[in-house]
Amino acid sequence: MARGSTVQDHVALAEIDLCGELIIAASNTTHDRLTADEIDEVLKVSGPEPKDP
């Protein structure tokens, strides 16, 4: 196994985990689709950064 592939494997596993979380959230929702806010919540991200005046 090449040394660089280990890092890629961790990234791939993290992406698979996030996809799984989205699938679980989508299957538990009562409406047709997850909203952008619901997706952000599942992925643990916040909205856009405020712009400096």
Protein backbone atom coordinates (compact mmCIF):
# COMPACT_ATOMS: atom_id res chain seq x y z
CA MET A 1 0.00 0.00 0.00
CA ALA A 2 1.38 3.40 -0.98
CA ARG A 3 1.81 5.93 1.77
CA GLY A 4 -0.42 8.57 0.10
CA SER A 5 -3.36 6.20 -0.26
CA THR A 6 -3.87 6.06 3.51
CA VAL A 7 -4.79 9.74 3.60
CA GLN A 8 -7.15 9.32 0.69
CA ASP A 9 -8.78 6.36 2.42
CA HIS A 10 -9.48 8.50 5.50
CA VAL A 11 -10.99 11.20 3.33
CA ALA A 12 -13.12 8.66 1.46
CA LEU A 13 -14.32 7.12 4.72
CA ALA A 14 -15.26 10.54 6.07
CA GLU A 15 -17.22 11.29 2.90
CA ILE A 16 -19.00 7.93 3.11
CA ASP A 17 -19.87 8.64 6.74
CA LEU A 18 -21.34 12.04 5.83
CA CYS A 19 -23.37 10.49 3.01
CA GLY A 20 -24.69 7.92 5.46
CA GLU A 21 -25.72 10.67 7.86
CA LEU A 22 -27.57 12.45 5.05
CA ILE A 23 -29.35 9.23 4.05
CA ILE A 24 -30.45 8.63 7.65
CA ALA A 25 -31.69 12.21 7.98
CA ALA A 26 -33.55 12.00 4.67
CA SER A 27 -35.22 8.75 5.68
CA ASN A 28 -36.37 10.29 8.96
CA THR A 29 -37.89 13.45 7.46
CA THR A 30 -41.62 13.85 7.01
CA HIS A 31 -41.31 15.89 3.81
CA ASP A 32 -40.00 15.11 0.33
CA ARG A 33 -36.53 16.62 0.68
CA LEU A 34 -34.14 17.95 3.26
CA THR A 35 -33.92 21.72 3.32
CA ALA A 36 -30.56 23.44 2.95
CA ASP A 37 -30.69 24.24 6.68
CA GLU A 38 -31.34 20.58 7.54
CA ILE A 39 -28.43 19.48 5.35
CA ASP A 40 -26.17 22.05 7.03
CA GLU A 41 -27.27 20.76 10.43
CA VAL A 42 -26.52 17.13 9.49
CA LEU A 43 -23.12 18.10 8.05
CA LYS A 44 -22.45 20.38 11.03
CA VAL A 45 -21.76 23.46 8.95
CA SER A 46 -23.05 26.98 9.36
CA GLY A 47 -24.39 29.41 6.81
CA PRO A 48 -22.32 31.77 4.73
CA GLU A 49 -19.72 33.88 6.51
CA PRO A 50 -20.84 37.46 7.14
CA LYS A 51 -19.16 40.00 4.88
CA ASP A 52 -17.07 42.77 6.37
CA PRO A 53 -18.62 46.25 5.84
